[in-house]
Amino acid sequence: MPKYLVQASYTAEGAKGLLAEGGSGRKEAVQRVVGSCGGTLESMYFAYGDDDLYIVVDFPDHLSMAAIAMTVRASGALRSRAIPLLTVEEVDEAAKRTVDFRPPGS
C-alpha cells in the first residue's frame, strides 16, 4: 500500500476549529476521512513552526490519497502537501533499474 507523509498548516479558520475540538477531535476526524477511502492512519503529530501537523497514512492506491487531498484542501481549513514514502526494499528495486540519462553538457 502506498504510504505518505502529509505536512499541513492550518489557516486561521482551521486553527479556530482545532482550538474548539482539541487534538483528539481532529485525530478522530483524520481517522474517519482516511478510513473512508480504505486507508489507515499510522501516526499523527502536532507541531509549531512552518507546519502545524504531520501525519503518516497508508492507502490502497494513489487515487485515494489524491481524492482526500483535493477534498480537504477545498475546505480552506488548511494547506497541505503529501509526500510519497518509499520502503528500503522499494529503493533497492529502483536502484537496480536501468535509466537512459545524459547529464547536461556531457
PDB file of N, CA and C in Angstrom:
ATOM      1  N   MET A   1       0.849  -1.190   0.000  1.00  0.00           N
ATOM      2  CA  MET A   1       0.000   0.000   0.000  1.00  0.00           C
ATOM      3  C   MET A   1       0.883   1.237   0.000  1.00  0.00           C
ATOM      4  N   PRO A   2       0.587   2.207  -0.852  1.00  0.00           N
ATOM      5  CA  PRO A   2       1.355   3.448  -0.829  1.00  0.00           C
ATOM      6  C   PRO A   2       1.247   4.144   0.528  1.00  0.00           C
ATOM      7  N   LYS A   3       2.373   4.677   0.965  1.00  0.00           N
ATOM      8  CA  LYS A   3       2.449   5.377   2.253  1.00  0.00           C
ATOM      9  C   LYS A   3       2.836   6.818   1.968  1.00  0.00           C
ATOM     10  N   TYR A   4       2.268   7.743   2.739  1.00  0.00           N
ATOM     11  CA  TYR A   4       2.533   9.167   2.542  1.00  0.00           C
ATOM     12  C   TYR A   4       2.815   9.855   3.870  1.00  0.00           C
ATOM     13  N   LEU A   5       3.698  10.841   3.798  1.00  0.00           N
ATOM     14  CA  LEU A   5       3.872  11.805   4.877  1.00  0.00           C
ATOM     15  C   LEU A   5       3.094  13.037   4.447  1.00  0.00           C
ATOM     16  N   VAL A   6       2.135  13.451   5.260  1.00  0.00           N
ATOM     17  CA  VAL A   6       1.349  14.645   4.967  1.00  0.00           C
ATOM     18  C   VAL A   6       1.773  15.731   5.944  1.00  0.00           C
ATOM     19  N   GLN A   7       2.170  16.873   5.396  1.00  0.00           N
ATOM     20  CA  GLN A   7       2.519  18.044   6.190  1.00  0.00           C
ATOM     21  C   GLN A   7       1.420  19.067   5.954  1.00  0.00           C
ATOM     22  N   ALA A   8       0.906  19.656   7.031  1.00  0.00           N
ATOM     23  CA  ALA A   8      -0.205  20.590   6.886  1.00  0.00           C
ATOM     24  C   ALA A   8      -0.032  21.799   7.788  1.00  0.00           C
ATOM     25  N   SER A   9      -0.578  22.904   7.337  1.00  0.00           N
ATOM     26  CA  SER A   9      -0.606  24.151   8.109  1.00  0.00           C
ATOM     27  C   SER A   9      -2.044  24.638   8.137  1.00  0.00           C
ATOM     28  N   TYR A  10      -2.544  24.908   9.332  1.00  0.00           N
ATOM     29  CA  TYR A  10      -3.912  25.390   9.470  1.00  0.00           C
ATOM     30  C   TYR A  10      -4.027  26.842   9.032  1.00  0.00           C
ATOM     31  N   THR A  11      -5.140  27.171   8.394  1.00  0.00           N
ATOM     32  CA  THR A  11      -5.485  28.565   8.156  1.00  0.00           C
ATOM     33  C   THR A  11      -6.055  29.098   9.469  1.00  0.00           C
ATOM     34  N   ALA A  12      -6.380  30.374   9.524  1.00  0.00           N
ATOM     35  CA  ALA A  12      -6.967  30.939  10.746  1.00  0.00           C
ATOM     36  C   ALA A  12      -8.258  30.205  11.104  1.00  0.00           C
ATOM     37  N   GLU A  13      -9.084  29.918  10.099  1.00  0.00           N
ATOM     38  CA  GLU A  13     -10.341  29.194  10.373  1.00  0.00           C
ATOM     39  C   GLU A  13     -10.075  27.786  10.870  1.00  0.00           C
ATOM     40  N   GLY A  14      -9.097  27.116  10.272  1.00  0.00           N
ATOM     41  CA  GLY A  14      -8.757  25.769  10.714  1.00  0.00           C
ATOM     42  C   GLY A  14      -8.224  25.751  12.137  1.00  0.00           C
ATOM     43  N   ALA A  15      -7.418  26.755  12.488  1.00  0.00           N
ATOM     44  CA  ALA A  15      -6.883  26.849  13.849  1.00  0.00           C
ATOM     45  C   ALA A  15      -8.006  27.060  14.864  1.00  0.00           C
ATOM     46  N   LYS A  16      -9.021  27.829  14.473  1.00  0.00           N
ATOM     47  CA  LYS A  16     -10.171  28.011  15.361  1.00  0.00           C
ATOM     48  C   LYS A  16     -10.878  26.680  15.607  1.00  0.00           C
ATOM     49  N   GLY A  17     -10.992  25.889  14.556  1.00  0.00           N
ATOM     50  CA  GLY A  17     -11.605  24.570  14.703  1.00  0.00           C
ATOM     51  C   GLY A  17     -10.785  23.658  15.597  1.00  0.00           C
ATOM     52  N   LEU A  18      -9.469  23.706  15.452  1.00  0.00           N
ATOM     53  CA  LEU A  18      -8.586  22.910  16.309  1.00  0.00           C
ATOM     54  C   LEU A  18      -8.737  23.319  17.770  1.00  0.00           C
ATOM     55  N   LEU A  19      -8.801  24.608  18.023  1.00  0.00           N
ATOM     56  CA  LEU A  19      -8.978  25.079  19.397  1.00  0.00           C
ATOM     57  C   LEU A  19     -10.313  24.606  19.976  1.00  0.00           C
ATOM     58  N   ALA A  20     -11.335  24.568  19.153  1.00  0.00           N
ATOM     59  CA  ALA A  20     -12.656  24.142  19.621  1.00  0.00           C
ATOM     60  C   ALA A  20     -12.725  22.639  19.867  1.00  0.00           C
ATOM     61  N   GLU A  21     -12.093  21.830  18.980  1.00  0.00           N
ATOM     62  CA  GLU A  21     -12.191  20.369  19.060  1.00  0.00           C
ATOM     63  C   GLU A  21     -11.062  19.718  19.842  1.00  0.00           C
ATOM     64  N   GLY A  22      -9.928  20.391  19.902  1.00  0.00           N
ATOM     65  CA  GLY A  22      -8.754  19.780  20.515  1.00  0.00           C
ATOM     66  C   GLY A  22      -8.107  18.773  19.580  1.00  0.00           C
ATOM     67  N   GLY A  23      -6.943  18.305  19.978  1.00  0.00           N
ATOM     68  CA  GLY A  23      -6.202  17.348  19.166  1.00  0.00           C
ATOM     69  C   GLY A  23      -6.930  16.030  18.983  1.00  0.00           C
ATOM     70  N   SER A  24      -7.596  15.548  20.033  1.00  0.00           N
ATOM     71  CA  SER A  24      -8.317  14.268  19.940  1.00  0.00           C
ATOM     72  C   SER A  24      -9.450  14.337  18.924  1.00  0.00           C
ATOM     73  N   GLY A  25     -10.139  15.462  18.894  1.00  0.00           N
ATOM     74  CA  GLY A  25     -11.216  15.638  17.924  1.00  0.00           C
ATOM     75  C   GLY A  25     -10.703  15.622  16.500  1.00  0.00           C
ATOM     76  N   ARG A  26      -9.564  16.261  16.277  1.00  0.00           N
ATOM     77  CA  ARG A  26      -9.003  16.282  14.929  1.00  0.00           C
ATOM     78  C   ARG A  26      -8.462  14.918  14.543  1.00  0.00           C
ATOM     79  N   LYS A  27      -7.874  14.177  15.503  1.00  0.00           N
ATOM     80  CA  LYS A  27      -7.389  12.828  15.185  1.00  0.00           C
ATOM     81  C   LYS A  27      -8.546  11.944  14.756  1.00  0.00           C
ATOM     82  N   GLU A  28      -9.660  12.032  15.458  1.00  0.00           N
ATOM     83  CA  GLU A  28     -10.836  11.248  15.094  1.00  0.00           C
ATOM     84  C   GLU A  28     -11.306  11.608  13.687  1.00  0.00           C
ATOM     85  N   ALA A  29     -11.301  12.900  13.363  1.00  0.00           N
ATOM     86  CA  ALA A  29     -11.723  13.342  12.029  1.00  0.00           C
ATOM     87  C   ALA A  29     -10.769  12.820  10.955  1.00  0.00           C
ATOM     88  N   VAL A  30      -9.469  12.838  11.226  1.00  0.00           N
ATOM     89  CA  VAL A  30      -8.482  12.339  10.263  1.00  0.00           C
ATOM     90  C   VAL A  30      -8.673  10.840  10.070  1.00  0.00           C
ATOM     91  N   GLN A  31      -8.847  10.090  11.147  1.00  0.00           N
ATOM     92  CA  GLN A  31      -9.070   8.648  11.019  1.00  0.00           C
ATOM     93  C   GLN A  31     -10.313   8.359  10.181  1.00  0.00           C
ATOM     94  N   ARG A  32     -11.353   9.144  10.365  1.00  0.00           N
ATOM     95  CA  ARG A  32     -12.601   8.943   9.624  1.00  0.00           C
ATOM     96  C   ARG A  32     -12.387   9.208   8.134  1.00  0.00           C
ATOM     97  N   VAL A  33     -11.758  10.333   7.793  1.00  0.00           N
ATOM     98  CA  VAL A  33     -11.586  10.664   6.375  1.00  0.00           C
ATOM     99  C   VAL A  33     -10.637   9.680   5.695  1.00  0.00           C
ATOM    100  N   VAL A  34      -9.563   9.301   6.367  1.00  0.00           N
ATOM    101  CA  VAL A  34      -8.621   8.345   5.792  1.00  0.00           C
ATOM    102  C   VAL A  34      -9.305   6.986   5.609  1.00  0.00           C
ATOM    103  N   GLY A  35     -10.041   6.547   6.616  1.00  0.00           N
ATOM    104  CA  GLY A  35     -10.751   5.274   6.533  1.00  0.00           C
ATOM    105  C   GLY A  35     -11.815   5.250   5.456  1.00  0.00           C
ATOM    106  N   SER A  36     -12.405   6.413   5.154  1.00  0.00           N
ATOM    107  CA  SER A  36     -13.456   6.463   4.139  1.00  0.00           C
ATOM    108  C   SER A  36     -12.948   6.091   2.750  1.00  0.00           C
ATOM    109  N   CYS A  37     -11.643   6.174   2.545  1.00  0.00           N
ATOM    110  CA  CYS A  37     -11.044   5.791   1.261  1.00  0.00           C
ATOM    111  C   CYS A  37     -10.187   4.527   1.396  1.00  0.00           C
ATOM    112  N   GLY A  38     -10.430   3.763   2.466  1.00  0.00           N
ATOM    113  CA  GLY A  38      -9.729   2.490   2.628  1.00  0.00           C
ATOM    114  C   GLY A  38      -8.337   2.597   3.206  1.00  0.00           C
ATOM    115  N   GLY A  39      -7.974   3.769   3.736  1.00  0.00           N
ATOM    116  CA  GLY A  39      -6.642   3.953   4.280  1.00  0.00           C
ATOM    117  C   GLY A  39      -6.583   3.786   5.780  1.00  0.00           C
ATOM    118  N   THR A  40      -5.369   3.853   6.310  1.00  0.00           N
ATOM    119  CA  THR A  40      -5.157   3.799   7.757  1.00  0.00           C
ATOM    120  C   THR A  40      -4.209   4.903   8.182  1.00  0.00           C
ATOM    121  N   LEU A  41      -4.462   5.434   9.361  1.00  0.00           N
ATOM    122  CA  LEU A  41      -3.606   6.445   9.957  1.00  0.00           C
ATOM    123  C   LEU A  41      -2.542   5.726  10.765  1.00  0.00           C
ATOM    124  N   GLU A  42      -1.281   5.907  10.383  1.00  0.00           N
ATOM    125  CA  GLU A  42      -0.180   5.271  11.106  1.00  0.00           C
ATOM    126  C   GLU A  42       0.263   6.111  12.297  1.00  0.00           C
ATOM    127  N   SER A  43       0.421   7.416  12.062  1.00  0.00           N
ATOM    128  CA  SER A  43       0.828   8.306  13.152  1.00  0.00           C
ATOM    129  C   SER A  43       0.372   9.719  12.850  1.00  0.00           C
ATOM    130  N   MET A  44       0.247  10.515  13.920  1.00  0.00           N
ATOM    131  CA  MET A  44      -0.205  11.901  13.788  1.00  0.00           C
ATOM    132  C   MET A  44       0.446  12.721  14.888  1.00  0.00           C
ATOM    133  N   TYR A  45       1.100  13.796  14.490  1.00  0.00           N
ATOM    134  CA  TYR A  45       1.774  14.680  15.433  1.00  0.00           C
ATOM    135  C   TYR A  45       1.453  16.131  15.121  1.00  0.00           C
ATOM    136  N   PHE A  46       1.205  16.902  16.155  1.00  0.00           N
ATOM    137  CA  PHE A  46       1.061  18.347  16.019  1.00  0.00           C
ATOM    138  C   PHE A  46       2.415  18.970  16.272  1.00  0.00           C
ATOM    139  N   ALA A  47       2.646  20.123  15.662  1.00  0.00           N
ATOM    140  CA  ALA A  47       3.922  20.816  15.806  1.00  0.00           C
ATOM    141  C   ALA A  47       3.667  22.313  15.741  1.00  0.00           C
ATOM    142  N   TYR A  48       4.696  23.077  15.911  1.00  0.00           N
ATOM    143  CA  TYR A  48       4.602  24.509  15.677  1.00  0.00           C
ATOM    144  C   TYR A  48       5.817  24.914  14.874  1.00  0.00           C
ATOM    145  N   GLY A  49       5.664  25.951  14.103  1.00  0.00           N
ATOM    146  CA  GLY A  49       6.682  26.366  13.148  1.00  0.00           C
ATOM    147  C   GLY A  49       6.010  26.548  11.803  1.00  0.00           C
ATOM    148  N   ASP A  50       6.680  26.152  10.743  1.00  0.00           N
ATOM    149  CA  ASP A  50       6.105  26.286   9.404  1.00  0.00           C
ATOM    150  C   ASP A  50       4.903  25.373   9.204  1.00  0.00           C
ATOM    151  N   ASP A  51       4.924  24.193   9.812  1.00  0.00           N
ATOM    152  CA  ASP A  51       3.822  23.239   9.693  1.00  0.00           C
ATOM    153  C   ASP A  51       3.207  22.989  11.059  1.00  0.00           C
ATOM    154  N   ASP A  52       1.901  22.761  11.063  1.00  0.00           N
ATOM    155  CA  ASP A  52       1.171  22.507  12.308  1.00  0.00           C
ATOM    156  C   ASP A  52       0.902  21.033  12.548  1.00  0.00           C
ATOM    157  N   LEU A  53       0.989  20.235  11.493  1.00  0.00           N
ATOM    158  CA  LEU A  53       0.554  18.848  11.590  1.00  0.00           C
ATOM    159  C   LEU A  53       1.396  17.970  10.676  1.00  0.00           C
ATOM    160  N   TYR A  54       1.773  16.797  11.192  1.00  0.00           N
ATOM    161  CA  TYR A  54       2.474  15.779  10.414  1.00  0.00           C
ATOM    162  C   TYR A  54       1.736  14.469  10.622  1.00  0.00           C
ATOM    163  N   ILE A  55       1.328  13.839   9.523  1.00  0.00           N
ATOM    164  CA  ILE A  55       0.693  12.535   9.648  1.00  0.00           C
ATOM    165  C   ILE A  55       1.318  11.570   8.641  1.00  0.00           C
ATOM    166  N   VAL A  56       1.301  10.292   8.988  1.00  0.00           N
ATOM    167  CA  VAL A  56       1.727   9.233   8.074  1.00  0.00           C
ATOM    168  C   VAL A  56       0.506   8.341   7.860  1.00  0.00           C
ATOM    169  N   VAL A  57       0.170   8.149   6.594  1.00  0.00           N
ATOM    170  CA  VAL A  57      -1.014   7.377   6.226  1.00  0.00           C
ATOM    171  C   VAL A  57      -0.674   6.341   5.160  1.00  0.00           C
ATOM    172  N   ASP A  58      -1.427   5.247   5.166  1.00  0.00           N
ATOM    173  CA  ASP A  58      -1.340   4.208   4.133  1.00  0.00           C
ATOM    174  C   ASP A  58      -2.651   4.208   3.373  1.00  0.00           C
ATOM    175  N   PHE A  59      -2.568   4.055   2.048  1.00  0.00           N
ATOM    176  CA  PHE A  59      -3.757   3.978   1.211  1.00  0.00           C
ATOM    177  C   PHE A  59      -3.636   2.807   0.255  1.00  0.00           C
ATOM    178  N   PRO A  60      -4.770   2.280  -0.203  1.00  0.00           N
ATOM    179  CA  PRO A  60      -4.715   1.159  -1.147  1.00  0.00           C
ATOM    180  C   PRO A  60      -4.176   1.570  -2.522  1.00  0.00           C
ATOM    181  N   ASP A  61      -4.250   2.859  -2.854  1.00  0.00           N
ATOM    182  CA  ASP A  61      -3.776   3.331  -4.157  1.00  0.00           C
ATOM    183  C   ASP A  61      -3.560   4.844  -4.103  1.00  0.00           C
ATOM    184  N   HIS A  62      -2.916   5.363  -5.139  1.00  0.00           N
ATOM    185  CA  HIS A  62      -2.602   6.798  -5.195  1.00  0.00           C
ATOM    186  C   HIS A  62      -3.841   7.666  -5.360  1.00  0.00           C
ATOM    187  N   LEU A  63      -4.860   7.149  -6.036  1.00  0.00           N
ATOM    188  CA  LEU A  63      -6.072   7.936  -6.259  1.00  0.00           C
ATOM    189  C   LEU A  63      -6.806   8.235  -4.959  1.00  0.00           C
ATOM    190  N   SER A  64      -6.724   7.332  -3.993  1.00  0.00           N
ATOM    191  CA  SER A  64      -7.357   7.578  -2.693  1.00  0.00           C
ATOM    192  C   SER A  64      -6.713   8.772  -2.007  1.00  0.00           C
ATOM    193  N   MET A  65      -5.389   8.843  -2.048  1.00  0.00           N
ATOM    194  CA  MET A  65      -4.692   9.994  -1.454  1.00  0.00           C
ATOM    195  C   MET A  65      -5.070  11.265  -2.188  1.00  0.00           C
ATOM    196  N   ALA A  66      -5.133  11.201  -3.509  1.00  0.00           N
ATOM    197  CA  ALA A  66      -5.485  12.378  -4.306  1.00  0.00           C
ATOM    198  C   ALA A  66      -6.900  12.858  -3.982  1.00  0.00           C
ATOM    199  N   ALA A  67      -7.845  11.941  -3.848  1.00  0.00           N
ATOM    200  CA  ALA A  67      -9.229  12.311  -3.549  1.00  0.00           C
ATOM    201  C   ALA A  67      -9.326  13.022  -2.205  1.00  0.00           C
ATOM    202  N   ILE A  68      -8.650  12.492  -1.210  1.00  0.00           N
ATOM    203  CA  ILE A  68      -8.678  13.121   0.112  1.00  0.00           C
ATOM    204  C   ILE A  68      -7.984  14.471   0.084  1.00  0.00           C
ATOM    205  N   ALA A  69      -6.829  14.548  -0.557  1.00  0.00           N
ATOM    206  CA  ALA A  69      -6.090  15.814  -0.612  1.00  0.00           C
ATOM    207  C   ALA A  69      -6.943  16.910  -1.250  1.00  0.00           C
ATOM    208  N   MET A  70      -7.604  16.604  -2.355  1.00  0.00           N
ATOM    209  CA  MET A  70      -8.427  17.615  -3.026  1.00  0.00           C
ATOM    210  C   MET A  70      -9.599  18.047  -2.151  1.00  0.00           C
ATOM    211  N   THR A  71     -10.239  17.085  -1.504  1.00  0.00           N
ATOM    212  CA  THR A  71     -11.401  17.388  -0.671  1.00  0.00           C
ATOM    213  C   THR A  71     -11.024  18.227   0.536  1.00  0.00           C
ATOM    214  N   VAL A  72      -9.954  17.837   1.215  1.00  0.00           N
ATOM    215  CA  VAL A  72      -9.530  18.552   2.423  1.00  0.00           C
ATOM    216  C   VAL A  72      -9.046  19.958   2.071  1.00  0.00           C
ATOM    217  N   ARG A  73      -8.256  20.086   1.011  1.00  0.00           N
ATOM    218  CA  ARG A  73      -7.765  21.418   0.619  1.00  0.00           C
ATOM    219  C   ARG A  73      -8.909  22.336   0.213  1.00  0.00           C
ATOM    220  N   ALA A  74      -9.928  21.769  -0.429  1.00  0.00           N
ATOM    221  CA  ALA A  74     -11.069  22.581  -0.872  1.00  0.00           C
ATOM    222  C   ALA A  74     -11.829  23.182   0.301  1.00  0.00           C
ATOM    223  N   SER A  75     -11.679  22.613   1.492  1.00  0.00           N
ATOM    224  CA  SER A  75     -12.364  23.153   2.670  1.00  0.00           C
ATOM    225  C   SER A  75     -11.814  24.518   3.071  1.00  0.00           C
ATOM    226  N   GLY A  76     -10.564  24.795   2.699  1.00  0.00           N
ATOM    227  CA  GLY A  76      -9.937  26.052   3.074  1.00  0.00           C
ATOM    228  C   GLY A  76      -9.430  26.081   4.503  1.00  0.00           C
ATOM    229  N   ALA A  77      -9.568  24.975   5.240  1.00  0.00           N
ATOM    230  CA  ALA A  77      -9.159  24.934   6.644  1.00  0.00           C
ATOM    231  C   ALA A  77      -7.661  24.731   6.820  1.00  0.00           C
ATOM    232  N   LEU A  78      -7.000  24.228   5.771  1.00  0.00           N
ATOM    233  CA  LEU A  78      -5.559  24.021   5.868  1.00  0.00           C
ATOM    234  C   LEU A  78      -4.922  23.972   4.502  1.00  0.00           C
ATOM    235  N   ARG A  79      -3.629  24.127   4.503  1.00  0.00           N
ATOM    236  CA  ARG A  79      -2.798  23.929   3.317  1.00  0.00           C
ATOM    237  C   ARG A  79      -1.964  22.692   3.605  1.00  0.00           C
ATOM    238  N   SER A  80      -1.830  21.821   2.607  1.00  0.00           N
ATOM    239  CA  SER A  80      -1.111  20.580   2.866  1.00  0.00           C
ATOM    240  C   SER A  80      -0.321  20.131   1.649  1.00  0.00           C
ATOM    241  N   ARG A  81       0.593  19.224   1.900  1.00  0.00           N
ATOM    242  CA  ARG A  81       1.324  18.561   0.829  1.00  0.00           C
ATOM    243  C   ARG A  81       1.525  17.112   1.258  1.00  0.00           C
ATOM    244  N   ALA A  82       1.402  16.213   0.299  1.00  0.00           N
ATOM    245  CA  ALA A  82       1.566  14.780   0.550  1.00  0.00           C
ATOM    246  C   ALA A  82       2.845  14.309  -0.136  1.00  0.00           C
ATOM    247  N   ILE A  83       3.698  13.688   0.637  1.00  0.00           N
ATOM    248  CA  ILE A  83       4.987  13.226   0.137  1.00  0.00           C
ATOM    249  C   ILE A  83       4.967  11.703   0.118  1.00  0.00           C
ATOM    250  N   PRO A  84       5.100  11.084  -1.065  1.00  0.00           N
ATOM    251  CA  PRO A  84       5.135   9.626  -1.119  1.00  0.00           C
ATOM    252  C   PRO A  84       6.373   9.104  -0.383  1.00  0.00           C
ATOM    253  N   LEU A  85       6.198   8.065   0.397  1.00  0.00           N
ATOM    254  CA  LEU A  85       7.303   7.458   1.130  1.00  0.00           C
ATOM    255  C   LEU A  85       7.614   6.093   0.527  1.00  0.00           C
ATOM    256  N   LEU A  86       8.890   5.795   0.383  1.00  0.00           N
ATOM    257  CA  LEU A  86       9.338   4.521  -0.180  1.00  0.00           C
ATOM    258  C   LEU A  86       9.999   3.675   0.899  1.00  0.00           C
ATOM    259  N   THR A  87       9.770   2.378   0.835  1.00  0.00           N
ATOM    260  CA  THR A  87      10.450   1.478   1.759  1.00  0.00           C
ATOM    261  C   THR A  87      11.888   1.267   1.290  1.00  0.00           C
ATOM    262  N   VAL A  88      12.698   0.702   2.150  1.00  0.00           N
ATOM    263  CA  VAL A  88      14.083   0.370   1.785  1.00  0.00           C
ATOM    264  C   VAL A  88      14.082  -0.589   0.603  1.00  0.00           C
ATOM    265  N   GLU A  89      13.182  -1.546   0.617  1.00  0.00           N
ATOM    266  CA  GLU A  89      13.103  -2.530  -0.466  1.00  0.00           C
ATOM    267  C   GLU A  89      12.709  -1.872  -1.798  1.00  0.00           C
ATOM    268  N   GLU A  90      11.821  -0.905  -1.749  1.00  0.00           N
ATOM    269  CA  GLU A  90      11.432  -0.202  -2.976  1.00  0.00           C
ATOM    270  C   GLU A  90      12.599   0.592  -3.547  1.00  0.00           C
ATOM    271  N   VAL A  91      13.394   1.197  -2.682  1.00  0.00           N
ATOM    272  CA  VAL A  91      14.575   1.932  -3.149  1.00  0.00           C
ATOM    273  C   VAL A  91      15.584   0.957  -3.749  1.00  0.00           C
ATOM    274  N   ASP A  92      15.758  -0.209  -3.123  1.00  0.00           N
ATOM    275  CA  ASP A  92      16.660  -1.221  -3.684  1.00  0.00           C
ATOM    276  C   ASP A  92      16.217  -1.621  -5.083  1.00  0.00           C
ATOM    277  N   GLU A  93      14.915  -1.830  -5.264  1.00  0.00           N
ATOM    278  CA  GLU A  93      14.386  -2.196  -6.577  1.00  0.00           C
ATOM    279  C   GLU A  93      14.596  -1.075  -7.589  1.00  0.00           C
ATOM    280  N   ALA A  94      14.340   0.150  -7.182  1.00  0.00           N
ATOM    281  CA  ALA A  94      14.532   1.300  -8.081  1.00  0.00           C
ATOM    282  C   ALA A  94      15.995   1.441  -8.478  1.00  0.00           C
ATOM    283  N   ALA A  95      16.899   1.194  -7.543  1.00  0.00           N
ATOM    284  CA  ALA A  95      18.334   1.339  -7.817  1.00  0.00           C
ATOM    285  C   ALA A  95      18.827   0.329  -8.846  1.00  0.00           C
ATOM    286  N   LYS A  96      18.121  -0.767  -9.016  1.00  0.00           N
ATOM    287  CA  LYS A  96      18.522  -1.807  -9.969  1.00  0.00           C
ATOM    288  C   LYS A  96      18.033  -1.529 -11.386  1.00  0.00           C
ATOM    289  N   ARG A  97      17.142  -0.566 -11.541  1.00  0.00           N
ATOM    290  CA  ARG A  97      16.583  -0.285 -12.869  1.00  0.00           C
ATOM    291  C   ARG A  97      17.574   0.514 -13.712  1.00  0.00           C
ATOM    292  N   THR A  98      17.566   0.227 -14.994  1.00  0.00           N
ATOM    293  CA  THR A  98      18.428   0.929 -15.938  1.00  0.00           C
ATOM    294  C   THR A  98      17.707   2.180 -16.418  1.00  0.00           C
ATOM    295  N   VAL A  99      18.399   3.310 -16.359  1.00  0.00           N
ATOM    296  CA  VAL A  99      17.834   4.593 -16.770  1.00  0.00           C
ATOM    297  C   VAL A  99      18.737   5.189 -17.849  1.00  0.00           C
ATOM    298  N   ASP A 100      18.170   5.543 -18.984  1.00  0.00           N
ATOM    299  CA  ASP A 100      18.915   6.156 -20.076  1.00  0.00           C
ATOM    300  C   ASP A 100      18.931   7.649 -19.876  1.00  0.00           C
ATOM    301  N   PHE A 101      19.987   8.169 -19.251  1.00  0.00           N
ATOM    302  CA  PHE A 101      20.083   9.584 -18.910  1.00  0.00           C
ATOM    303  C   PHE A 101      21.452  10.113 -19.274  1.00  0.00           C
ATOM    304  N   ARG A 102      21.489  11.339 -19.832  1.00  0.00           N
ATOM    305  CA  ARG A 102      22.720  12.033 -20.135  1.00  0.00           C
ATOM    306  C   ARG A 102      22.677  13.380 -19.435  1.00  0.00           C
ATOM    307  N   PRO A 103      23.641  13.664 -18.527  1.00  0.00           N
ATOM    308  CA  PRO A 103      23.651  14.960 -17.859  1.00  0.00           C
ATOM    309  C   PRO A 103      23.867  16.101 -18.859  1.00  0.00           C
ATOM    310  N   PRO A 104      23.354  17.286 -18.567  1.00  0.00           N
ATOM    311  CA  PRO A 104      23.558  18.419 -19.472  1.00  0.00           C
ATOM    312  C   PRO A 104      25.058  18.686 -19.689  1.00  0.00           C
ATOM    313  N   GLY A 105      25.409  18.938 -20.941  1.00  0.00           N
ATOM    314  CA  GLY A 105      26.781  19.298 -21.265  1.00  0.00           C
ATOM    315  C   GLY A 105      27.727  18.136 -21.423  1.00  0.00           C
ATOM    316  N   SER A 106      27.239  16.913 -21.302  1.00  0.00           N
ATOM    317  CA  SER A 106      28.175  15.779 -21.466  1.00  0.00           C
ATOM    318  C   SER A 106      27.917  15.032 -22.748  1.00  0.00           C
TER     319      SER A 106
END
